[in-house]
Each structure stands twice: as C-alpha cells, then as structure tokens.
Amino acid sequence: MVTKDMIIADVLDNYPQTAHLFLEIGMHCLGCPSARGESVEAACAVHGADVDELIAKINAEIAE
C-alpha cells in the first residue's frame, strides 16, 4: 500500500505502472532530482493536486 509520505521514486521503483497517474496531474518530471527525494504529499502540494485522491488511484491500480 502506498502512503502520502512515501518518496515518489520509491513508488515508481516498486510500481512503475502508476507513472501515468503522476503524469495525469502534471508531474512530468518523474526522473528529476526532486522526484528522487520528494514525498507524494509534497509534490501534490507543489502541483496543486489532491494527495488523497492520487493515493486512492495509485492503491486501486496496484491492487489490480
């Protein structure tokens, strides 16, 4: 299960199939240094995205 305090890179390393969900909310720099150390929550705040909605989508996708 993914949580909002997880680092984006860790999510992508473990669940690469979720990359499109980050891209859909405007996180186009998934390989940049920020993604290697930024939490999902922090990135959502910067991009004006709802972290709880993103986490729900990610967890639904990885549950399939």
PDB file of N, CA and C in Angstrom:
ATOM      1  N   MET A   1       0.837  -1.175   0.000  1.00  0.00           N
ATOM      2  CA  MET A   1       0.000   0.000   0.000  1.00  0.00           C
ATOM      3  C   MET A   1       0.889   1.248   0.000  1.00  0.00           C
ATOM      4  N   VAL A   2       0.535   2.183  -0.825  1.00  0.00           N
ATOM      5  CA  VAL A   2       1.273   3.436  -0.931  1.00  0.00           C
ATOM      6  C   VAL A   2       0.638   4.460   0.004  1.00  0.00           C
ATOM      7  N   THR A   3       1.491   5.255   0.656  1.00  0.00           N
ATOM      8  CA  THR A   3       1.008   6.316   1.545  1.00  0.00           C
ATOM      9  C   THR A   3       1.557   7.649   1.057  1.00  0.00           C
ATOM     10  N   LYS A   4       0.941   8.740   1.529  1.00  0.00           N
ATOM     11  CA  LYS A   4       1.326  10.065   1.050  1.00  0.00           C
ATOM     12  C   LYS A   4       2.707  10.506   1.504  1.00  0.00           C
ATOM     13  N   ASP A   5       3.268   9.868   2.510  1.00  0.00           N
ATOM     14  CA  ASP A   5       4.603  10.248   2.966  1.00  0.00           C
ATOM     15  C   ASP A   5       5.717   9.483   2.247  1.00  0.00           C
ATOM     16  N   MET A   6       5.342   8.588   1.336  1.00  0.00           N
ATOM     17  CA  MET A   6       6.350   7.841   0.581  1.00  0.00           C
ATOM     18  C   MET A   6       7.005   8.737  -0.465  1.00  0.00           C
ATOM     19  N   ILE A   7       8.250   8.438  -0.773  1.00  0.00           N
ATOM     20  CA  ILE A   7       9.007   9.167  -1.787  1.00  0.00           C
ATOM     21  C   ILE A   7       8.527   8.722  -3.174  1.00  0.00           C
ATOM     22  N   ILE A   8       8.338   9.682  -4.059  1.00  0.00           N
ATOM     23  CA  ILE A   8       7.837   9.382  -5.404  1.00  0.00           C
ATOM     24  C   ILE A   8       8.681   8.310  -6.081  1.00  0.00           C
ATOM     25  N   ALA A   9       9.991   8.431  -6.007  1.00  0.00           N
ATOM     26  CA  ALA A   9      10.881   7.462  -6.664  1.00  0.00           C
ATOM     27  C   ALA A   9      10.653   6.056  -6.131  1.00  0.00           C
ATOM     28  N   ASP A  10      10.398   5.927  -4.833  1.00  0.00           N
ATOM     29  CA  ASP A  10      10.149   4.600  -4.255  1.00  0.00           C
ATOM     30  C   ASP A  10       8.848   4.013  -4.803  1.00  0.00           C
ATOM     31  N   VAL A  11       7.843   4.864  -4.932  1.00  0.00           N
ATOM     32  CA  VAL A  11       6.575   4.404  -5.504  1.00  0.00           C
ATOM     33  C   VAL A  11       6.801   3.918  -6.930  1.00  0.00           C
ATOM     34  N   LEU A  12       7.493   4.723  -7.725  1.00  0.00           N
ATOM     35  CA  LEU A  12       7.730   4.366  -9.124  1.00  0.00           C
ATOM     36  C   LEU A  12       8.646   3.159  -9.285  1.00  0.00           C
ATOM     37  N   ASP A  13       9.631   3.028  -8.402  1.00  0.00           N
ATOM     38  CA  ASP A  13      10.525   1.865  -8.466  1.00  0.00           C
ATOM     39  C   ASP A  13       9.753   0.573  -8.198  1.00  0.00           C
ATOM     40  N   ASN A  14       8.820   0.638  -7.246  1.00  0.00           N
ATOM     41  CA  ASN A  14       8.049  -0.545  -6.866  1.00  0.00           C
ATOM     42  C   ASN A  14       6.812  -0.770  -7.731  1.00  0.00           C
ATOM     43  N   TYR A  15       6.248   0.311  -8.242  1.00  0.00           N
ATOM     44  CA  TYR A  15       5.011   0.224  -9.022  1.00  0.00           C
ATOM     45  C   TYR A  15       5.114   1.105 -10.275  1.00  0.00           C
ATOM     46  N   PRO A  16       5.965   0.756 -11.211  1.00  0.00           N
ATOM     47  CA  PRO A  16       6.173   1.603 -12.398  1.00  0.00           C
ATOM     48  C   PRO A  16       4.900   1.818 -13.210  1.00  0.00           C
ATOM     49  N   GLN A  17       3.957   0.927 -13.081  1.00  0.00           N
ATOM     50  CA  GLN A  17       2.700   1.056 -13.822  1.00  0.00           C
ATOM     51  C   GLN A  17       1.864   2.250 -13.363  1.00  0.00           C
ATOM     52  N   THR A  18       2.254   2.891 -12.266  1.00  0.00           N
ATOM     53  CA  THR A  18       1.499   4.042 -11.757  1.00  0.00           C
ATOM     54  C   THR A  18       2.010   5.374 -12.303  1.00  0.00           C
ATOM     55  N   ALA A  19       3.043   5.361 -13.105  1.00  0.00           N
ATOM     56  CA  ALA A  19       3.630   6.612 -13.617  1.00  0.00           C
ATOM     57  C   ALA A  19       2.595   7.480 -14.321  1.00  0.00           C
ATOM     58  N   HIS A  20       1.703   6.869 -15.065  1.00  0.00           N
ATOM     59  CA  HIS A  20       0.694   7.652 -15.792  1.00  0.00           C
ATOM     60  C   HIS A  20      -0.190   8.461 -14.852  1.00  0.00           C
ATOM     61  N   LEU A  21      -0.389   7.993 -13.635  1.00  0.00           N
ATOM     62  CA  LEU A  21      -1.223   8.730 -12.678  1.00  0.00           C
ATOM     63  C   LEU A  21      -0.535  10.019 -12.239  1.00  0.00           C
ATOM     64  N   PHE A  22       0.779   9.971 -12.085  1.00  0.00           N
ATOM     65  CA  PHE A  22       1.540  11.182 -11.763  1.00  0.00           C
ATOM     66  C   PHE A  22       1.528  12.145 -12.952  1.00  0.00           C
ATOM     67  N   LEU A  23       1.707  11.602 -14.142  1.00  0.00           N
ATOM     68  CA  LEU A  23       1.722  12.428 -15.349  1.00  0.00           C
ATOM     69  C   LEU A  23       0.375  13.122 -15.566  1.00  0.00           C
ATOM     70  N   GLU A  24      -0.709  12.422 -15.253  1.00  0.00           N
ATOM     71  CA  GLU A  24      -2.047  12.982 -15.442  1.00  0.00           C
ATOM     72  C   GLU A  24      -2.302  14.233 -14.607  1.00  0.00           C
ATOM     73  N   ILE A  25      -1.608  14.368 -13.478  1.00  0.00           N
ATOM     74  CA  ILE A  25      -1.827  15.545 -12.632  1.00  0.00           C
ATOM     75  C   ILE A  25      -0.726  16.584 -12.808  1.00  0.00           C
ATOM     76  N   GLY A  26       0.072  16.410 -13.850  1.00  0.00           N
ATOM     77  CA  GLY A  26       1.061  17.423 -14.177  1.00  0.00           C
ATOM     78  C   GLY A  26       2.455  17.188 -13.647  1.00  0.00           C
ATOM     79  N   MET A  27       2.709  16.041 -13.067  1.00  0.00           N
ATOM     80  CA  MET A  27       4.059  15.722 -12.588  1.00  0.00           C
ATOM     81  C   MET A  27       4.830  15.084 -13.733  1.00  0.00           C
ATOM     82  N   HIS A  28       5.337  15.937 -14.618  1.00  0.00           N
ATOM     83  CA  HIS A  28       6.005  15.451 -15.821  1.00  0.00           C
ATOM     84  C   HIS A  28       7.498  15.203 -15.629  1.00  0.00           C
ATOM     85  N   CYS A  29       8.034  15.571 -14.513  1.00  0.00           N
ATOM     86  CA  CYS A  29       9.473  15.451 -14.271  1.00  0.00           C
ATOM     87  C   CYS A  29       9.751  14.307 -13.305  1.00  0.00           C
ATOM     88  N   LEU A  30       9.267  13.121 -13.630  1.00  0.00           N
ATOM     89  CA  LEU A  30       9.393  11.988 -12.714  1.00  0.00           C
ATOM     90  C   LEU A  30      10.821  11.508 -12.537  1.00  0.00           C
ATOM     91  N   GLY A  31      11.703  11.834 -13.457  1.00  0.00           N
ATOM     92  CA  GLY A  31      13.098  11.419 -13.348  1.00  0.00           C
ATOM     93  C   GLY A  31      14.008  12.486 -12.781  1.00  0.00           C
ATOM     94  N   CYS A  32      13.447  13.651 -12.446  1.00  0.00           N
ATOM     95  CA  CYS A  32      14.284  14.748 -11.952  1.00  0.00           C
ATOM     96  C   CYS A  32      14.711  14.502 -10.504  1.00  0.00           C
ATOM     97  N   PRO A  33      15.710  15.223 -10.039  1.00  0.00           N
ATOM     98  CA  PRO A  33      16.204  15.029  -8.671  1.00  0.00           C
ATOM     99  C   PRO A  33      15.133  15.215  -7.593  1.00  0.00           C
ATOM    100  N   SER A  34      14.183  16.089  -7.826  1.00  0.00           N
ATOM    101  CA  SER A  34      13.131  16.285  -6.825  1.00  0.00           C
ATOM    102  C   SER A  34      12.334  15.006  -6.609  1.00  0.00           C
ATOM    103  N   ALA A  35      12.046  14.294  -7.667  1.00  0.00           N
ATOM    104  CA  ALA A  35      11.274  13.059  -7.547  1.00  0.00           C
ATOM    105  C   ALA A  35      12.034  11.995  -6.772  1.00  0.00           C
ATOM    106  N   ARG A  36      13.340  12.082  -6.774  1.00  0.00           N
ATOM    107  CA  ARG A  36      14.142  11.097  -6.049  1.00  0.00           C
ATOM    108  C   ARG A  36      14.084  11.327  -4.540  1.00  0.00           C
ATOM    109  N   GLY A  37      13.670  12.510  -4.098  1.00  0.00           N
ATOM    110  CA  GLY A  37      13.670  12.767  -2.664  1.00  0.00           C
ATOM    111  C   GLY A  37      12.408  13.415  -2.136  1.00  0.00           C
ATOM    112  N   GLU A  38      11.417  13.640  -2.997  1.00  0.00           N
ATOM    113  CA  GLU A  38      10.210  14.348  -2.582  1.00  0.00           C
ATOM    114  C   GLU A  38       9.079  13.358  -2.309  1.00  0.00           C
ATOM    115  N   SER A  39       8.335  13.633  -1.245  1.00  0.00           N
ATOM    116  CA  SER A  39       7.201  12.766  -0.928  1.00  0.00           C
ATOM    117  C   SER A  39       6.052  13.035  -1.894  1.00  0.00           C
ATOM    118  N   VAL A  40       5.158  12.086  -1.985  1.00  0.00           N
ATOM    119  CA  VAL A  40       3.973  12.249  -2.818  1.00  0.00           C
ATOM    120  C   VAL A  40       3.177  13.453  -2.322  1.00  0.00           C
ATOM    121  N   GLU A  41       3.063  13.601  -1.021  1.00  0.00           N
ATOM    122  CA  GLU A  41       2.316  14.720  -0.451  1.00  0.00           C
ATOM    123  C   GLU A  41       2.928  16.071  -0.813  1.00  0.00           C
ATOM    124  N   ALA A  42       4.235  16.184  -0.712  1.00  0.00           N
ATOM    125  CA  ALA A  42       4.917  17.440  -1.034  1.00  0.00           C
ATOM    126  C   ALA A  42       4.759  17.770  -2.510  1.00  0.00           C
ATOM    127  N   ALA A  43       4.886  16.787  -3.363  1.00  0.00           N
ATOM    128  CA  ALA A  43       4.745  17.015  -4.796  1.00  0.00           C
ATOM    129  C   ALA A  43       3.319  17.435  -5.145  1.00  0.00           C
ATOM    130  N   CYS A  44       2.339  16.831  -4.502  1.00  0.00           N
ATOM    131  CA  CYS A  44       0.949  17.210  -4.749  1.00  0.00           C
ATOM    132  C   CYS A  44       0.710  18.655  -4.322  1.00  0.00           C
ATOM    133  N   ALA A  45       1.300  19.062  -3.223  1.00  0.00           N
ATOM    134  CA  ALA A  45       1.148  20.441  -2.756  1.00  0.00           C
ATOM    135  C   ALA A  45       1.719  21.416  -3.784  1.00  0.00           C
ATOM    136  N   VAL A  46       2.878  21.092  -4.324  1.00  0.00           N
ATOM    137  CA  VAL A  46       3.522  21.952  -5.324  1.00  0.00           C
ATOM    138  C   VAL A  46       2.695  22.025  -6.608  1.00  0.00           C
ATOM    139  N   HIS A  47       2.091  20.903  -6.989  1.00  0.00           N
ATOM    140  CA  HIS A  47       1.347  20.830  -8.244  1.00  0.00           C
ATOM    141  C   HIS A  47      -0.144  21.128  -8.075  1.00  0.00           C
ATOM    142  N   GLY A  48      -0.572  21.447  -6.863  1.00  0.00           N
ATOM    143  CA  GLY A  48      -1.977  21.771  -6.639  1.00  0.00           C
ATOM    144  C   GLY A  48      -2.914  20.589  -6.830  1.00  0.00           C
ATOM    145  N   ALA A  49      -2.425  19.406  -6.526  1.00  0.00           N
ATOM    146  CA  ALA A  49      -3.216  18.187  -6.695  1.00  0.00           C
ATOM    147  C   ALA A  49      -3.688  17.672  -5.341  1.00  0.00           C
ATOM    148  N   ASP A  50      -4.781  16.941  -5.354  1.00  0.00           N
ATOM    149  CA  ASP A  50      -5.336  16.348  -4.141  1.00  0.00           C
ATOM    150  C   ASP A  50      -4.583  15.056  -3.831  1.00  0.00           C
ATOM    151  N   VAL A  51      -3.803  15.067  -2.772  1.00  0.00           N
ATOM    152  CA  VAL A  51      -2.965  13.910  -2.439  1.00  0.00           C
ATOM    153  C   VAL A  51      -3.799  12.678  -2.117  1.00  0.00           C
ATOM    154  N   ASP A  52      -4.899  12.869  -1.414  1.00  0.00           N
ATOM    155  CA  ASP A  52      -5.724  11.712  -1.043  1.00  0.00           C
ATOM    156  C   ASP A  52      -6.337  11.049  -2.277  1.00  0.00           C
ATOM    157  N   GLU A  53      -6.718  11.858  -3.247  1.00  0.00           N
ATOM    158  CA  GLU A  53      -7.275  11.317  -4.491  1.00  0.00           C
ATOM    159  C   GLU A  53      -6.213  10.550  -5.267  1.00  0.00           C
ATOM    160  N   LEU A  54      -5.003  11.109  -5.344  1.00  0.00           N
ATOM    161  CA  LEU A  54      -3.916  10.421  -6.049  1.00  0.00           C
ATOM    162  C   LEU A  54      -3.567   9.106  -5.361  1.00  0.00           C
ATOM    163  N   ILE A  55      -3.455   9.125  -4.049  1.00  0.00           N
ATOM    164  CA  ILE A  55      -3.119   7.906  -3.307  1.00  0.00           C
ATOM    165  C   ILE A  55      -4.187   6.841  -3.521  1.00  0.00           C
ATOM    166  N   ALA A  56      -5.449   7.238  -3.516  1.00  0.00           N
ATOM    167  CA  ALA A  56      -6.536   6.283  -3.756  1.00  0.00           C
ATOM    168  C   ALA A  56      -6.410   5.650  -5.137  1.00  0.00           C
ATOM    169  N   LYS A  57      -6.108   6.464  -6.149  1.00  0.00           N
ATOM    170  CA  LYS A  57      -5.947   5.947  -7.511  1.00  0.00           C
ATOM    171  C   LYS A  57      -4.752   5.004  -7.605  1.00  0.00           C
ATOM    172  N   ILE A  58      -3.649   5.382  -6.976  1.00  0.00           N
ATOM    173  CA  ILE A  58      -2.444   4.546  -7.003  1.00  0.00           C
ATOM    174  C   ILE A  58      -2.737   3.189  -6.354  1.00  0.00           C
ATOM    175  N   ASN A  59      -3.339   3.218  -5.177  1.00  0.00           N
ATOM    176  CA  ASN A  59      -3.601   1.970  -4.469  1.00  0.00           C
ATOM    177  C   ASN A  59      -4.628   1.104  -5.197  1.00  0.00           C
ATOM    178  N   ALA A  60      -5.596   1.729  -5.872  1.00  0.00           N
ATOM    179  CA  ALA A  60      -6.549   0.952  -6.656  1.00  0.00           C
ATOM    180  C   ALA A  60      -5.838   0.276  -7.831  1.00  0.00           C
ATOM    181  N   GLU A  61      -4.907   1.009  -8.462  1.00  0.00           N
ATOM    182  CA  GLU A  61      -4.187   0.445  -9.605  1.00  0.00           C
ATOM    183  C   GLU A  61      -3.288  -0.719  -9.187  1.00  0.00           C
ATOM    184  N   ILE A  62      -2.596  -0.580  -8.070  1.00  0.00           N
ATOM    185  CA  ILE A  62      -1.673  -1.658  -7.679  1.00  0.00           C
ATOM    186  C   ILE A  62      -2.414  -2.856  -7.093  1.00  0.00           C
ATOM    187  N   ALA A  63      -3.668  -2.659  -6.708  1.00  0.00           N
ATOM    188  CA  ALA A  63      -4.465  -3.769  -6.175  1.00  0.00           C
ATOM    189  C   ALA A  63      -4.966  -4.681  -7.294  1.00  0.00           C
ATOM    190  N   GLU A  64      -4.964  -4.176  -8.534  1.00  0.00           N
ATOM    191  CA  GLU A  64      -5.464  -4.959  -9.671  1.00  0.00           C
ATOM    192  C   GLU A  64      -4.509  -6.064 -10.044  1.00  0.00           C
TER     193      GLU A  64
END
